[in-house]
């Protein structure tokens, strides 16, 4: 059950940051960027194999559920 920053969103932020550098911005003058969007992914098959019960509420709140 990973919980972390959305990979696609990180790539978008990185591309924007790189664009600013390639256009002449100095990296030391650019603001530090943090992840904005986080996601939770549940793997129900793996949870079942280790005999872990996932509540329906948890599964409903997850961004992605793999069965």
C-alpha atoms as a PDB file:
ATOM      1  CA  UNK A   1       0.000   0.000   0.000  1.00  0.00           C
ATOM      2  CA  UNK A   2       2.208   2.848  -1.192  1.00  0.00           C
ATOM      3  CA  UNK A   3       1.322   6.403  -0.303  1.00  0.00           C
ATOM      4  CA  UNK A   4       3.325   9.102  -1.979  1.00  0.00           C
ATOM      5  CA  UNK A   5       3.519  11.835  -4.532  1.00  0.00           C
ATOM      6  CA  UNK A   6       1.804  11.310  -7.856  1.00  0.00           C
ATOM      7  CA  UNK A   7       4.550  10.402 -10.370  1.00  0.00           C
ATOM      8  CA  UNK A   8       2.923  12.151 -13.313  1.00  0.00           C
ATOM      9  CA  UNK A   9       2.554  15.351 -11.330  1.00  0.00           C
ATOM     10  CA  UNK A  10       6.227  15.212 -10.281  1.00  0.00           C
ATOM     11  CA  UNK A  11       7.266  14.866 -13.922  1.00  0.00           C
ATOM     12  CA  UNK A  12       5.171  17.900 -14.879  1.00  0.00           C
ATOM     13  CA  UNK A  13       6.714  19.959 -12.100  1.00  0.00           C
ATOM     14  CA  UNK A  14      10.215  18.813 -13.095  1.00  0.00           C
ATOM     15  CA  UNK A  15       9.600  19.752 -16.727  1.00  0.00           C
ATOM     16  CA  UNK A  16       8.441  23.237 -15.722  1.00  0.00           C
ATOM     17  CA  UNK A  17      11.487  23.670 -13.504  1.00  0.00           C
ATOM     18  CA  UNK A  18      13.836  22.453 -16.253  1.00  0.00           C
ATOM     19  CA  UNK A  19      12.187  24.808 -18.761  1.00  0.00           C
ATOM     20  CA  UNK A  20      12.898  27.751 -16.471  1.00  0.00           C
ATOM     21  CA  UNK A  21      16.563  26.701 -16.208  1.00  0.00           C
ATOM     22  CA  UNK A  22      16.935  26.196 -19.965  1.00  0.00           C
ATOM     23  CA  UNK A  23      15.470  29.660 -20.562  1.00  0.00           C
ATOM     24  CA  UNK A  24      18.287  31.185 -18.526  1.00  0.00           C
ATOM     25  CA  UNK A  25      17.055  31.012 -14.959  1.00  0.00           C
ATOM     26  CA  UNK A  26      19.711  30.263 -12.385  1.00  0.00           C
ATOM     27  CA  UNK A  27      18.837  27.168 -10.319  1.00  0.00           C
ATOM     28  CA  UNK A  28      19.863  28.890  -7.084  1.00  0.00           C
ATOM     29  CA  UNK A  29      17.297  31.651  -7.745  1.00  0.00           C
ATOM     30  CA  UNK A  30      14.392  29.290  -8.413  1.00  0.00           C
ATOM     31  CA  UNK A  31      12.067  28.327  -5.559  1.00  0.00           C
ATOM     32  CA  UNK A  32      12.136  24.848  -4.081  1.00  0.00           C
ATOM     33  CA  UNK A  33       9.194  22.859  -5.403  1.00  0.00           C
ATOM     34  CA  UNK A  34       7.302  20.293  -3.382  1.00  0.00           C
ATOM     35  CA  UNK A  35       4.839  17.632  -4.393  1.00  0.00           C
ATOM     36  CA  UNK A  36       1.276  18.898  -4.370  1.00  0.00           C
ATOM     37  CA  UNK A  37      -0.758  15.781  -5.068  1.00  0.00           C
ATOM     38  CA  UNK A  38      -0.384  12.500  -3.191  1.00  0.00           C
ATOM     39  CA  UNK A  39      -2.022   9.166  -3.915  1.00  0.00           C
ATOM     40  CA  UNK A  40      -2.710   5.849  -2.189  1.00  0.00           C
ATOM     41  CA  UNK A  41      -2.601   2.576  -4.099  1.00  0.00           C
ATOM     42  CA  UNK A  42      -3.997  -0.654  -2.636  1.00  0.00           C
ATOM     43  CA  UNK A  43      -3.076  -4.132  -3.837  1.00  0.00           C
ATOM     44  CA  UNK A  44      -5.868  -6.362  -2.561  1.00  0.00           C
ATOM     45  CA  UNK A  45      -4.279  -9.583  -3.849  1.00  0.00           C
ATOM     46  CA  UNK A  46      -1.072  -8.934  -1.876  1.00  0.00           C
ATOM     47  CA  UNK A  47      -3.091  -7.983   1.209  1.00  0.00           C
ATOM     48  CA  UNK A  48      -5.041 -11.227   0.947  1.00  0.00           C
ATOM     49  CA  UNK A  49      -1.828 -13.259   0.633  1.00  0.00           C
ATOM     50  CA  UNK A  50      -0.503 -11.879   3.920  1.00  0.00           C
ATOM     51  CA  UNK A  51      -3.959 -12.221   5.492  1.00  0.00           C
ATOM     52  CA  UNK A  52      -4.458  -8.482   5.895  1.00  0.00           C
ATOM     53  CA  UNK A  53      -8.035  -7.243   5.893  1.00  0.00           C
ATOM     54  CA  UNK A  54      -8.656  -3.959   4.090  1.00  0.00           C
ATOM     55  CA  UNK A  55     -11.815  -2.187   5.173  1.00  0.00           C
ATOM     56  CA  UNK A  56     -14.274  -1.111   2.481  1.00  0.00           C
ATOM     57  CA  UNK A  57     -13.862   2.484   3.689  1.00  0.00           C
ATOM     58  CA  UNK A  58     -10.105   2.321   3.072  1.00  0.00           C
ATOM     59  CA  UNK A  59     -10.599   0.814  -0.357  1.00  0.00           C
ATOM     60  CA  UNK A  60     -13.129   3.536  -1.213  1.00  0.00           C
ATOM     61  CA  UNK A  61     -10.713   6.302  -0.227  1.00  0.00           C
ATOM     62  CA  UNK A  62      -7.774   4.884  -2.203  1.00  0.00           C
ATOM     63  CA  UNK A  63      -6.879   6.550  -5.487  1.00  0.00           C
ATOM     64  CA  UNK A  64      -6.218   3.193  -7.149  1.00  0.00           C
ATOM     65  CA  UNK A  65      -7.198  -0.361  -6.149  1.00  0.00           C
ATOM     66  CA  UNK A  66      -5.458  -3.322  -7.797  1.00  0.00           C
ATOM     67  CA  UNK A  67      -7.210  -6.652  -7.393  1.00  0.00           C
END
